[in-house]
C-alpha cells in the first residue's frame, strides 16, 4: 500500500511539472510603476501564475499552466488593458483609457 501511495505521489508531482511552463518572456510596452502593476495584473487575470514586468527592458516574464491558459490569452488580456505586446495591439479605446503617465509612444501600424 505504501508503495502504491508513493508511486501515485511521484506521478502526480511529475504530471504537474510537465504541465507547468518554464518562464516565458513577452515584450510589452509601458512606462511606469502603474504600468507594471496593470500589466502584471492583466497577465495573472488571464491565468499566469507569476508575472513580472521589467520597466527598463519592457519585458514581461510569466509562468503558467499550459492546460489552463496560453501566451496568446495572456497577450490578449494585456492588450485589453491598453498595452501593446509583441503579437497583440491594444485598441485605441483601451490605450486612451490609460492614465497619461502610462500612455507610451506607440509604434506605427505595420501594413
Protein backbone atom coordinates (compact mmCIF):
# COMPACT_ATOMS: atom_id res chain seq x y z
CA UNK A 1 0.00 0.00 0.00
CA UNK A 2 2.84 2.38 0.85
CA UNK A 3 4.49 1.68 -2.49
CA UNK A 4 1.26 2.45 -4.33
CA UNK A 5 0.84 5.70 -2.42
CA UNK A 6 4.45 6.68 -3.17
CA UNK A 7 4.00 5.84 -6.87
CA UNK A 8 0.83 7.97 -7.07
CA UNK A 9 2.58 10.87 -5.37
CA UNK A 10 5.51 10.68 -7.80
CA UNK A 11 3.22 10.52 -10.84
CA UNK A 12 1.14 13.48 -9.66
CA UNK A 13 4.28 15.52 -8.98
CA UNK A 14 5.83 14.83 -12.38
CA UNK A 15 2.47 15.29 -14.13
CA UNK A 16 2.05 18.78 -12.72
CA UNK A 17 5.64 19.68 -13.56
CA UNK A 18 5.10 18.63 -17.17
CA UNK A 19 2.06 20.90 -17.45
CA UNK A 20 3.67 24.00 -15.92
CA UNK A 21 5.51 26.16 -18.43
CA UNK A 22 9.04 27.32 -17.89
CA UNK A 23 9.21 31.09 -17.64
CA UNK A 24 8.24 32.72 -20.94
CA UNK A 25 9.11 36.29 -21.91
CA UNK A 26 6.83 38.70 -23.77
CA UNK A 27 7.70 42.20 -24.95
CA UNK A 28 5.16 44.66 -23.51
CA UNK A 29 5.11 48.45 -23.99
CA UNK A 30 4.70 50.66 -20.93
CA UNK A 31 6.35 53.42 -18.92
CA UNK A 32 5.97 53.42 -15.17
CA UNK A 33 5.23 51.63 -11.93
CA UNK A 34 1.50 51.89 -12.56
CA UNK A 35 2.03 50.18 -15.93
CA UNK A 36 3.93 47.40 -14.14
CA UNK A 37 1.02 46.86 -11.76
CA UNK A 38 -1.58 46.87 -14.58
CA UNK A 39 0.42 44.60 -16.91
CA UNK A 40 1.14 42.04 -14.20
CA UNK A 41 -2.50 42.10 -13.05
CA UNK A 42 -3.75 41.56 -16.64
CA UNK A 43 -1.37 38.62 -17.12
CA UNK A 44 -2.47 37.00 -13.87
CA UNK A 45 -6.15 37.53 -14.68
CA UNK A 46 -5.54 35.52 -17.88
CA UNK A 47 -4.11 32.61 -15.90
CA UNK A 48 -0.42 33.37 -15.36
CA UNK A 49 0.78 32.00 -12.04
CA UNK A 50 3.63 34.51 -11.94
CA UNK A 51 4.10 37.77 -13.87
CA UNK A 52 6.99 40.19 -13.51
CA UNK A 53 7.35 43.15 -15.89
CA UNK A 54 10.75 44.82 -16.26
CA UNK A 55 10.14 48.55 -16.83
CA UNK A 56 13.59 49.17 -18.33
CA UNK A 57 13.71 46.18 -20.69
CA UNK A 58 9.93 46.32 -21.42
CA UNK A 59 9.78 42.54 -20.96
CA UNK A 60 7.21 40.52 -19.02
CA UNK A 61 8.31 37.17 -17.63
CA UNK A 62 5.40 34.81 -16.99
CA UNK A 63 4.89 31.25 -15.83
CA UNK A 64 1.60 29.44 -16.37
CA UNK A 65 -0.14 26.11 -16.63
CA UNK A 66 -0.50 25.35 -20.35
CA UNK A 67 -3.61 23.28 -19.63
CA UNK A 68 -5.35 26.40 -18.30
CA UNK A 69 -4.08 29.30 -20.46
CA UNK A 70 -1.64 30.27 -23.22
CA UNK A 71 0.70 33.05 -24.25
CA UNK A 72 -1.96 34.17 -26.73
CA UNK A 73 -4.59 34.53 -23.99
CA UNK A 74 -2.15 36.35 -21.71
CA UNK A 75 -1.18 38.77 -24.50
CA UNK A 76 -4.86 39.36 -25.35
CA UNK A 77 -5.59 40.26 -21.73
CA UNK A 78 -2.66 42.69 -21.62
CA UNK A 79 -3.76 44.30 -24.90
CA UNK A 80 -7.27 44.57 -23.47
CA UNK A 81 -5.78 46.54 -20.58
CA UNK A 82 -4.31 49.03 -23.09
CA UNK A 83 -0.75 47.79 -23.57
CA UNK A 84 0.77 46.63 -26.86
CA UNK A 85 2.62 43.31 -26.79
CA UNK A 86 4.88 41.80 -29.40
CA UNK A 87 1.95 39.95 -31.01
CA UNK A 88 -1.17 41.87 -29.94
CA UNK A 89 -2.01 45.56 -30.31
CA UNK A 90 -4.25 47.33 -27.80
CA UNK A 91 -7.28 49.03 -29.25
CA UNK A 92 -7.20 52.83 -29.45
CA UNK A 93 -10.04 52.93 -26.93
CA UNK A 94 -8.16 50.76 -24.40
CA UNK A 95 -4.96 52.77 -24.91
CA UNK A 96 -6.77 56.09 -24.36
CA UNK A 97 -8.17 54.82 -21.04
CA UNK A 98 -4.64 54.58 -19.66
CA UNK A 99 -3.51 57.34 -17.29
CA UNK A 100 -1.42 60.00 -19.02
CA UNK A 101 1.83 58.71 -17.47
CA UNK A 102 1.08 55.26 -18.90
CA UNK A 103 0.49 56.41 -22.48
CA UNK A 104 3.71 55.20 -24.05
CA UNK A 105 4.82 56.17 -27.54
CA UNK A 106 3.12 53.75 -29.92
CA UNK A 107 4.84 52.37 -32.98
CA UNK A 108 3.13 52.99 -36.32
CA UNK A 109 0.96 50.11 -37.52
CA UNK A 110 2.62 47.69 -39.93
CA UNK A 111 0.86 47.36 -43.25
